[in-house]
Amino acid sequence: MRIRDKPQRYPILHIPYDRELTMSYRVFKGMQVRANFFAMPILLRLMTGHALVCVILFVVSVLPYDSYGIDGRQVSQAEWWSSGVGPLVSLIGLLGFAAGWSFLKKKRYARELYLAFLTAGLVVPYPFMGEAWFSVIGIFIVIAAGFYLFKNGAVASYFENIAGEPSAG
């Protein structure tokens, strides 16, 4: 192997010489995500934004904090996690972010993931809190979101050419 065949590196940072190619690919992918966002119907954009913002639930739940105020009662972080609320809130935050990002990337499982996110946030917790009535309302919201995501023509056309699937034709 000749010396010229080896990839050239910057002397201190050891970054491959083809960094410009890698950066332009990342910029292209970012532009594609942005284009996908603006190609969405307006309600789907709202759902995507809602899902992406819910990562704040994960961040707030995981960061060390002295205590949380819940219904005027101070709850320590140990209580937060031992009661099961911390893991559930963290799961909801991660599911929301994953659902929003998969909407942007047009993944084939994005709609199901968003419905799982809504179910985890609007249906699952309420029977454990003794408020089963709110679970019924949550079920109706999840069903309405499911009809919108799977039966609406604009949403179906957005997900028509899903990444990773061969195109017909």
N, C-alpha and C. Protein backbone atom coordinates (compact mmCIF):
# COMPACT_ATOMS: atom_id res chain seq x y z
N MET A 1 0.86 -1.17 0.00
CA MET A 1 0.00 0.00 0.00
C MET A 1 0.90 1.23 0.00
N ARG A 2 0.63 2.12 -0.89
CA ARG A 2 1.39 3.36 -0.96
C ARG A 2 0.88 4.34 0.09
N ILE A 3 1.69 5.32 0.36
CA ILE A 3 1.34 6.33 1.36
C ILE A 3 0.13 7.12 0.91
N ARG A 4 -0.02 7.37 -0.36
CA ARG A 4 -1.16 8.17 -0.86
C ARG A 4 -2.49 7.43 -0.73
N ASP A 5 -2.47 6.10 -0.67
CA ASP A 5 -3.71 5.34 -0.57
C ASP A 5 -4.33 5.41 0.82
N LYS A 6 -3.55 5.76 1.81
CA LYS A 6 -4.08 5.86 3.17
C LYS A 6 -4.93 7.13 3.30
N PRO A 7 -6.02 7.06 4.07
CA PRO A 7 -6.81 8.29 4.26
C PRO A 7 -6.00 9.34 5.02
N GLN A 8 -6.07 10.53 4.56
CA GLN A 8 -5.36 11.62 5.22
C GLN A 8 -6.13 12.05 6.46
N ARG A 9 -5.39 12.42 7.48
CA ARG A 9 -6.02 12.85 8.72
C ARG A 9 -5.47 14.20 9.11
N TYR A 10 -6.28 14.94 9.82
CA TYR A 10 -5.79 16.18 10.39
C TYR A 10 -4.82 15.83 11.51
N PRO A 11 -3.76 16.55 11.69
CA PRO A 11 -2.70 16.11 12.60
C PRO A 11 -3.12 15.98 14.06
N ILE A 12 -3.96 16.85 14.60
CA ILE A 12 -4.26 16.82 16.02
C ILE A 12 -5.60 16.13 16.29
N LEU A 13 -6.60 16.41 15.49
CA LEU A 13 -7.94 15.93 15.77
C LEU A 13 -8.20 14.51 15.28
N HIS A 14 -7.40 14.00 14.36
CA HIS A 14 -7.58 12.67 13.78
C HIS A 14 -8.97 12.50 13.18
N ILE A 15 -9.41 13.48 12.43
CA ILE A 15 -10.69 13.44 11.74
C ILE A 15 -10.42 12.98 10.31
N PRO A 16 -11.18 12.02 9.79
CA PRO A 16 -10.94 11.58 8.41
C PRO A 16 -11.06 12.74 7.43
N TYR A 17 -10.35 12.63 6.34
CA TYR A 17 -10.30 13.70 5.35
C TYR A 17 -11.66 13.93 4.69
N ASP A 18 -12.46 12.88 4.56
CA ASP A 18 -13.75 13.02 3.87
C ASP A 18 -14.84 13.57 4.79
N ARG A 19 -14.50 14.38 5.77
CA ARG A 19 -15.44 14.97 6.71
C ARG A 19 -16.50 15.80 5.98
N GLU A 20 -16.11 16.48 4.92
CA GLU A 20 -17.06 17.31 4.19
C GLU A 20 -18.19 16.45 3.61
N LEU A 21 -17.85 15.27 3.11
CA LEU A 21 -18.87 14.37 2.57
C LEU A 21 -19.82 13.92 3.67
N THR A 22 -19.27 13.55 4.81
CA THR A 22 -20.10 13.11 5.93
C THR A 22 -21.01 14.25 6.40
N MET A 23 -20.47 15.45 6.51
CA MET A 23 -21.27 16.58 6.95
C MET A 23 -22.38 16.88 5.96
N SER A 24 -22.10 16.82 4.68
CA SER A 24 -23.13 17.13 3.71
C SER A 24 -24.23 16.07 3.74
N TYR A 25 -23.88 14.81 4.04
CA TYR A 25 -24.89 13.78 4.16
C TYR A 25 -25.78 14.07 5.37
N ARG A 26 -25.18 14.51 6.47
CA ARG A 26 -25.97 14.85 7.66
C ARG A 26 -26.87 16.05 7.37
N VAL A 27 -26.36 17.01 6.67
CA VAL A 27 -27.19 18.17 6.32
C VAL A 27 -28.33 17.73 5.43
N PHE A 28 -28.06 16.82 4.48
CA PHE A 28 -29.12 16.31 3.61
C PHE A 28 -30.19 15.60 4.42
N LYS A 29 -29.78 14.75 5.37
CA LYS A 29 -30.76 14.05 6.20
C LYS A 29 -31.57 15.03 7.03
N GLY A 30 -30.93 16.09 7.54
CA GLY A 30 -31.66 17.10 8.29
C GLY A 30 -32.66 17.84 7.42
N MET A 31 -32.26 18.11 6.19
CA MET A 31 -33.19 18.78 5.27
C MET A 31 -34.35 17.85 4.93
N GLN A 32 -34.08 16.55 4.84
CA GLN A 32 -35.14 15.59 4.55
C GLN A 32 -36.14 15.54 5.70
N VAL A 33 -35.66 15.54 6.93
CA VAL A 33 -36.55 15.54 8.09
C VAL A 33 -37.39 16.80 8.10
N ARG A 34 -36.77 17.93 7.81
CA ARG A 34 -37.51 19.20 7.76
C ARG A 34 -38.56 19.18 6.65
N ALA A 35 -38.20 18.65 5.49
CA ALA A 35 -39.15 18.55 4.38
C ALA A 35 -40.30 17.61 4.75
N ASN A 36 -39.99 16.51 5.45
CA ASN A 36 -41.05 15.60 5.90
C ASN A 36 -42.00 16.30 6.86
N PHE A 37 -41.46 17.13 7.74
CA PHE A 37 -42.31 17.84 8.69
C PHE A 37 -43.29 18.76 7.96
N PHE A 38 -42.80 19.49 6.97
CA PHE A 38 -43.68 20.41 6.26
C PHE A 38 -44.56 19.71 5.23
N ALA A 39 -44.29 18.44 4.93
CA ALA A 39 -45.16 17.68 4.05
C ALA A 39 -46.33 17.05 4.80
N MET A 40 -46.28 17.08 6.12
CA MET A 40 -47.33 16.49 6.95
C MET A 40 -48.59 17.35 6.92
N PRO A 41 -49.76 16.70 7.08
CA PRO A 41 -50.97 17.48 7.35
C PRO A 41 -50.82 18.21 8.69
N ILE A 42 -51.57 19.28 8.86
CA ILE A 42 -51.38 20.15 10.03
C ILE A 42 -51.61 19.42 11.35
N LEU A 43 -52.64 18.60 11.45
CA LEU A 43 -52.89 17.89 12.70
C LEU A 43 -51.78 16.88 12.99
N LEU A 44 -51.23 16.26 11.97
CA LEU A 44 -50.11 15.35 12.18
C LEU A 44 -48.86 16.11 12.63
N ARG A 45 -48.67 17.32 12.13
CA ARG A 45 -47.57 18.16 12.62
C ARG A 45 -47.74 18.46 14.11
N LEU A 46 -48.97 18.77 14.49
CA LEU A 46 -49.26 19.05 15.90
C LEU A 46 -48.98 17.82 16.75
N MET A 47 -49.39 16.64 16.28
CA MET A 47 -49.14 15.41 17.01
C MET A 47 -47.63 15.14 17.12
N THR A 48 -46.90 15.42 16.05
CA THR A 48 -45.45 15.21 16.05
C THR A 48 -44.78 16.15 17.05
N GLY A 49 -45.16 17.42 17.03
CA GLY A 49 -44.60 18.37 17.98
C GLY A 49 -44.91 18.00 19.41
N HIS A 50 -46.15 17.56 19.65
CA HIS A 50 -46.56 17.13 20.98
C HIS A 50 -45.69 15.96 21.44
N ALA A 51 -45.49 15.00 20.57
CA ALA A 51 -44.71 13.82 20.93
C ALA A 51 -43.25 14.17 21.19
N LEU A 52 -42.68 15.04 20.38
CA LEU A 52 -41.28 15.42 20.56
C LEU A 52 -41.07 16.21 21.84
N VAL A 53 -42.00 17.07 22.18
CA VAL A 53 -41.86 17.89 23.39
C VAL A 53 -41.97 17.04 24.65
N CYS A 54 -42.62 15.91 24.57
CA CYS A 54 -42.80 15.06 25.76
C CYS A 54 -41.50 14.45 26.25
N VAL A 55 -40.40 14.62 25.52
CA VAL A 55 -39.11 14.17 26.03
C VAL A 55 -38.75 14.94 27.30
N ILE A 56 -39.37 16.08 27.50
CA ILE A 56 -39.16 16.87 28.73
C ILE A 56 -39.58 16.05 29.95
N LEU A 57 -40.61 15.22 29.81
CA LEU A 57 -41.03 14.36 30.92
C LEU A 57 -39.90 13.44 31.35
N PHE A 58 -39.21 12.88 30.38
CA PHE A 58 -38.08 12.00 30.69
C PHE A 58 -36.96 12.78 31.37
N VAL A 59 -36.62 13.94 30.83
CA VAL A 59 -35.52 14.73 31.37
C VAL A 59 -35.82 15.15 32.81
N VAL A 60 -37.02 15.65 33.05
CA VAL A 60 -37.39 16.10 34.40
C VAL A 60 -37.43 14.93 35.37
N SER A 61 -37.85 13.77 34.90
CA SER A 61 -37.94 12.62 35.78
C SER A 61 -36.58 12.05 36.14
N VAL A 62 -35.63 12.13 35.23
CA VAL A 62 -34.32 11.51 35.45
C VAL A 62 -33.35 12.43 36.18
N LEU A 63 -33.44 13.73 35.95
CA LEU A 63 -32.51 14.65 36.60
C LEU A 63 -32.68 14.60 38.12
N PRO A 64 -31.58 14.59 38.85
CA PRO A 64 -31.70 14.58 40.31
C PRO A 64 -32.31 15.89 40.81
N TYR A 65 -33.26 15.76 41.67
CA TYR A 65 -33.98 16.91 42.20
C TYR A 65 -34.34 16.60 43.64
N ASP A 66 -34.42 17.62 44.46
CA ASP A 66 -34.71 17.40 45.88
C ASP A 66 -36.08 16.79 46.08
N SER A 67 -37.10 17.47 45.52
CA SER A 67 -38.46 16.96 45.69
C SER A 67 -39.35 17.50 44.59
N TYR A 68 -40.42 16.78 44.35
CA TYR A 68 -41.44 17.18 43.39
C TYR A 68 -42.68 17.59 44.15
N GLY A 69 -43.38 18.58 43.64
CA GLY A 69 -44.64 18.98 44.25
C GLY A 69 -45.79 18.36 43.49
N ILE A 70 -46.53 17.45 44.13
CA ILE A 70 -47.67 16.78 43.51
C ILE A 70 -48.88 17.03 44.38
N ASP A 71 -49.85 17.74 43.86
CA ASP A 71 -51.08 18.08 44.59
C ASP A 71 -50.76 18.74 45.93
N GLY A 72 -49.77 19.62 45.95
CA GLY A 72 -49.41 20.34 47.16
C GLY A 72 -48.58 19.53 48.14
N ARG A 73 -48.25 18.30 47.80
CA ARG A 73 -47.45 17.44 48.68
C ARG A 73 -46.05 17.30 48.09
N GLN A 74 -45.03 17.43 48.92
CA GLN A 74 -43.66 17.28 48.46
C GLN A 74 -43.30 15.79 48.43
N VAL A 75 -42.79 15.34 47.28
CA VAL A 75 -42.41 13.95 47.09
C VAL A 75 -40.93 13.91 46.75
N SER A 76 -40.16 13.13 47.50
CA SER A 76 -38.73 13.03 47.23
C SER A 76 -38.50 12.20 45.96
N GLN A 77 -37.30 12.30 45.43
CA GLN A 77 -37.01 11.54 44.21
C GLN A 77 -37.04 10.04 44.48
N ALA A 78 -36.65 9.63 45.67
CA ALA A 78 -36.71 8.21 46.02
C ALA A 78 -38.16 7.72 46.01
N GLU A 79 -39.06 8.52 46.59
CA GLU A 79 -40.49 8.17 46.55
C GLU A 79 -41.02 8.16 45.12
N TRP A 80 -40.57 9.15 44.32
CA TRP A 80 -40.99 9.28 42.92
C TRP A 80 -40.70 8.00 42.15
N TRP A 81 -39.50 7.45 42.35
CA TRP A 81 -39.12 6.25 41.62
C TRP A 81 -39.67 4.98 42.26
N SER A 82 -39.72 4.92 43.58
CA SER A 82 -40.19 3.69 44.23
C SER A 82 -41.70 3.50 44.08
N SER A 83 -42.43 4.59 43.90
CA SER A 83 -43.88 4.46 43.74
C SER A 83 -44.28 3.98 42.35
N GLY A 84 -43.34 4.02 41.40
CA GLY A 84 -43.65 3.58 40.04
C GLY A 84 -43.99 4.72 39.10
N VAL A 85 -44.13 5.92 39.64
CA VAL A 85 -44.46 7.07 38.81
C VAL A 85 -43.26 7.48 37.96
N GLY A 86 -42.08 7.46 38.54
CA GLY A 86 -40.87 7.85 37.81
C GLY A 86 -40.63 7.00 36.58
N PRO A 87 -40.66 5.65 36.70
CA PRO A 87 -40.47 4.83 35.51
C PRO A 87 -41.57 5.03 34.46
N LEU A 88 -42.82 5.21 34.91
CA LEU A 88 -43.90 5.41 33.95
C LEU A 88 -43.75 6.73 33.21
N VAL A 89 -43.44 7.79 33.92
CA VAL A 89 -43.26 9.10 33.29
C VAL A 89 -42.06 9.07 32.35
N SER A 90 -41.00 8.40 32.75
CA SER A 90 -39.83 8.27 31.88
C SER A 90 -40.18 7.49 30.62
N LEU A 91 -40.92 6.41 30.78
CA LEU A 91 -41.34 5.62 29.62
C LEU A 91 -42.21 6.43 28.67
N ILE A 92 -43.13 7.20 29.22
CA ILE A 92 -44.00 8.04 28.39
C ILE A 92 -43.16 9.07 27.63
N GLY A 93 -42.20 9.68 28.30
CA GLY A 93 -41.34 10.65 27.63
C GLY A 93 -40.52 10.04 26.51
N LEU A 94 -39.96 8.86 26.74
CA LEU A 94 -39.17 8.19 25.70
C LEU A 94 -40.05 7.71 24.56
N LEU A 95 -41.22 7.16 24.87
CA LEU A 95 -42.15 6.73 23.82
C LEU A 95 -42.58 7.91 22.96
N GLY A 96 -42.85 9.04 23.61
CA GLY A 96 -43.26 10.23 22.87
C GLY A 96 -42.18 10.70 21.92
N PHE A 97 -40.95 10.77 22.40
CA PHE A 97 -39.86 11.22 21.54
C PHE A 97 -39.65 10.24 20.39
N ALA A 98 -39.69 8.94 20.69
CA ALA A 98 -39.52 7.93 19.63
C ALA A 98 -40.63 8.02 18.60
N ALA A 99 -41.86 8.25 19.05
CA ALA A 99 -42.98 8.36 18.12
C ALA A 99 -42.85 9.61 17.25
N GLY A 100 -42.50 10.73 17.85
CA GLY A 100 -42.33 11.96 17.07
C GLY A 100 -41.21 11.84 16.06
N TRP A 101 -40.08 11.27 16.47
CA TRP A 101 -38.96 11.12 15.55
C TRP A 101 -39.31 10.14 14.42
N SER A 102 -40.04 9.08 14.74
CA SER A 102 -40.42 8.14 13.69
C SER A 102 -41.44 8.74 12.73
N PHE A 103 -42.28 9.67 13.20
CA PHE A 103 -43.14 10.41 12.28
C PHE A 103 -42.30 11.21 11.29
N LEU A 104 -41.27 11.88 11.82
CA LEU A 104 -40.41 12.69 10.96
C LEU A 104 -39.63 11.85 9.96
N LYS A 105 -39.25 10.64 10.35
CA LYS A 105 -38.48 9.77 9.47
C LYS A 105 -39.36 8.86 8.62
N LYS A 106 -40.69 8.98 8.76
CA LYS A 106 -41.66 8.18 8.01
C LYS A 106 -41.44 6.69 8.20
N LYS A 107 -41.24 6.28 9.44
CA LYS A 107 -41.04 4.87 9.73
C LYS A 107 -42.38 4.14 9.66
N ARG A 108 -42.31 2.87 9.31
CA ARG A 108 -43.55 2.12 9.11
C ARG A 108 -44.30 1.87 10.41
N TYR A 109 -43.62 1.87 11.55
CA TYR A 109 -44.24 1.62 12.85
C TYR A 109 -44.60 2.91 13.59
N ALA A 110 -44.50 4.06 12.96
CA ALA A 110 -44.68 5.35 13.63
C ALA A 110 -46.08 5.51 14.19
N ARG A 111 -47.07 5.15 13.43
CA ARG A 111 -48.46 5.35 13.90
C ARG A 111 -48.78 4.47 15.10
N GLU A 112 -48.33 3.22 15.05
CA GLU A 112 -48.58 2.32 16.18
C GLU A 112 -47.83 2.80 17.43
N LEU A 113 -46.62 3.30 17.22
CA LEU A 113 -45.83 3.80 18.35
C LEU A 113 -46.51 5.01 18.99
N TYR A 114 -47.09 5.90 18.17
CA TYR A 114 -47.78 7.06 18.72
C TYR A 114 -49.02 6.61 19.51
N LEU A 115 -49.73 5.62 19.01
CA LEU A 115 -50.90 5.13 19.74
C LEU A 115 -50.49 4.46 21.05
N ALA A 116 -49.35 3.77 21.06
CA ALA A 116 -48.84 3.19 22.31
C ALA A 116 -48.47 4.30 23.29
N PHE A 117 -47.87 5.37 22.78
CA PHE A 117 -47.53 6.53 23.60
C PHE A 117 -48.79 7.15 24.22
N LEU A 118 -49.83 7.33 23.43
CA LEU A 118 -51.07 7.89 23.96
C LEU A 118 -51.71 6.95 24.99
N THR A 119 -51.67 5.66 24.71
CA THR A 119 -52.24 4.68 25.65
C THR A 119 -51.49 4.70 26.97
N ALA A 120 -50.15 4.77 26.90
CA ALA A 120 -49.36 4.80 28.13
C ALA A 120 -49.62 6.06 28.94
N GLY A 121 -49.93 7.16 28.27
CA GLY A 121 -50.14 8.41 28.98
C GLY A 121 -51.58 8.69 29.37
N LEU A 122 -52.52 8.22 28.56
CA LEU A 122 -53.92 8.60 28.79
C LEU A 122 -54.82 7.48 29.30
N VAL A 123 -54.36 6.23 29.23
CA VAL A 123 -55.21 5.11 29.64
C VAL A 123 -54.63 4.36 30.84
N VAL A 124 -53.36 4.02 30.78
CA VAL A 124 -52.75 3.13 31.77
C VAL A 124 -52.74 3.70 33.18
N PRO A 125 -52.34 4.94 33.41
CA PRO A 125 -52.16 5.37 34.81
C PRO A 125 -53.44 5.55 35.62
N TYR A 126 -54.54 5.86 35.00
CA TYR A 126 -55.72 6.28 35.75
C TYR A 126 -56.39 5.19 36.59
N PRO A 127 -56.46 3.94 36.15
CA PRO A 127 -57.04 2.93 37.07
C PRO A 127 -56.22 2.76 38.35
N PHE A 128 -54.90 2.95 38.27
CA PHE A 128 -54.06 2.82 39.46
C PHE A 128 -54.25 4.00 40.40
N MET A 129 -54.74 5.12 39.86
CA MET A 129 -54.98 6.30 40.70
C MET A 129 -56.43 6.34 41.18
N GLY A 130 -57.22 5.34 40.83
CA GLY A 130 -58.62 5.29 41.25
C GLY A 130 -59.53 6.18 40.42
N GLU A 131 -59.10 6.56 39.25
CA GLU A 131 -59.88 7.43 38.37
C GLU A 131 -60.14 6.72 37.05
N ALA A 132 -60.89 5.61 37.09
CA ALA A 132 -61.14 4.81 35.89
C ALA A 132 -61.90 5.60 34.82
N TRP A 133 -62.67 6.58 35.22
CA TRP A 133 -63.44 7.39 34.27
C TRP A 133 -62.51 8.09 33.30
N PHE A 134 -61.36 8.56 33.77
CA PHE A 134 -60.42 9.22 32.89
C PHE A 134 -59.82 8.24 31.88
N SER A 135 -59.70 6.98 32.26
CA SER A 135 -59.22 5.97 31.31
C SER A 135 -60.19 5.78 30.16
N VAL A 136 -61.48 5.85 30.46
CA VAL A 136 -62.49 5.73 29.39
C VAL A 136 -62.35 6.90 28.41
N ILE A 137 -62.17 8.09 28.93
CA ILE A 137 -61.97 9.25 28.07
C ILE A 137 -60.68 9.08 27.26
N GLY A 138 -59.63 8.57 27.90
CA GLY A 138 -58.37 8.32 27.21
C GLY A 138 -58.52 7.30 26.10
N ILE A 139 -59.33 6.27 26.33
CA ILE A 139 -59.57 5.25 25.29
C ILE A 139 -60.23 5.90 24.08
N PHE A 140 -61.21 6.78 24.31
CA PHE A 140 -61.86 7.46 23.18
C PHE A 140 -60.87 8.35 22.42
N ILE A 141 -59.98 8.99 23.14
CA ILE A 141 -58.97 9.84 22.48
C ILE A 141 -58.02 8.97 21.64
N VAL A 142 -57.61 7.82 22.18
CA VAL A 142 -56.71 6.92 21.43
C VAL A 142 -57.43 6.38 20.20
N ILE A 143 -58.70 6.03 20.33
CA ILE A 143 -59.47 5.52 19.18
C ILE A 143 -59.60 6.61 18.11
N ALA A 144 -59.89 7.84 18.53
CA ALA A 144 -59.99 8.94 17.57
C ALA A 144 -58.66 9.19 16.86
N ALA A 145 -57.57 9.15 17.62
CA ALA A 145 -56.24 9.32 17.01
C ALA A 145 -55.94 8.17 16.05
N GLY A 146 -56.35 6.96 16.41
CA GLY A 146 -56.14 5.81 15.52
C GLY A 146 -56.90 5.96 14.22
N PHE A 147 -58.16 6.40 14.30
CA PHE A 147 -58.92 6.64 13.08
C PHE A 147 -58.25 7.70 12.22
N TYR A 148 -57.78 8.76 12.85
CA TYR A 148 -57.12 9.81 12.08
C TYR A 148 -55.84 9.29 11.43
N LEU A 149 -55.03 8.56 12.18
CA LEU A 149 -53.74 8.12 11.66
C LEU A 149 -53.87 7.04 10.58
N PHE A 150 -54.91 6.21 10.65
CA PHE A 150 -55.02 5.10 9.71
C PHE A 150 -56.09 5.28 8.64
N LYS A 151 -57.07 6.14 8.87
CA LYS A 151 -58.17 6.28 7.91
C LYS A 151 -58.17 7.59 7.15
N ASN A 152 -57.42 8.59 7.59
CA ASN A 152 -57.38 9.88 6.92
C ASN A 152 -56.55 9.77 5.65
N GLY A 153 -57.08 10.30 4.54
CA GLY A 153 -56.39 10.20 3.26
C GLY A 153 -55.08 10.97 3.20
N ALA A 154 -55.05 12.15 3.83
CA ALA A 154 -53.82 12.96 3.81
C ALA A 154 -52.71 12.27 4.59
N VAL A 155 -53.04 11.66 5.72
CA VAL A 155 -52.04 10.94 6.50
C VAL A 155 -51.59 9.69 5.74
N ALA A 156 -52.53 9.00 5.12
CA ALA A 156 -52.17 7.82 4.34
C ALA A 156 -51.24 8.18 3.19
N SER A 157 -51.49 9.30 2.52
CA SER A 157 -50.60 9.70 1.43
C SER A 157 -49.23 10.13 1.95
N TYR A 158 -49.17 10.70 3.16
CA TYR A 158 -47.87 11.05 3.74
C TYR A 158 -47.04 9.80 4.00
N PHE A 159 -47.68 8.75 4.50
CA PHE A 159 -46.97 7.52 4.79
C PHE A 159 -46.92 6.56 3.61
N GLU A 160 -47.36 6.99 2.45
CA GLU A 160 -47.42 6.10 1.29
C GLU A 160 -46.04 5.57 0.90
N ASN A 161 -45.06 6.44 0.78
CA ASN A 161 -43.70 6.01 0.44
C ASN A 161 -42.86 5.96 1.71
N ILE A 162 -43.07 4.91 2.46
CA ILE A 162 -42.37 4.77 3.74
C ILE A 162 -40.93 4.37 3.46
N ALA A 163 -40.02 4.96 4.22
CA ALA A 163 -38.60 4.64 4.07
C ALA A 163 -38.37 3.17 4.39
N GLY A 164 -37.60 2.51 3.56
CA GLY A 164 -37.27 1.13 3.79
C GLY A 164 -38.17 0.15 3.07
N GLU A 165 -39.27 0.61 2.49
CA GLU A 165 -40.14 -0.27 1.74
C GLU A 165 -39.88 -0.10 0.26
N PRO A 166 -39.91 -1.18 -0.51
CA PRO A 166 -39.75 -1.02 -1.96
C PRO A 166 -40.96 -0.32 -2.56
N SER A 167 -40.70 0.55 -3.50
CA SER A 167 -41.82 1.26 -4.14
C SER A 167 -42.45 0.36 -5.19
N ALA A 168 -43.76 0.51 -5.33
CA ALA A 168 -44.50 -0.30 -6.32
C ALA A 168 -44.33 0.31 -7.69
N GLY A 169 -43.62 -0.35 -8.51
CA GLY A 169 -43.51 0.18 -9.88
C GLY A 169 -42.13 0.29 -10.26
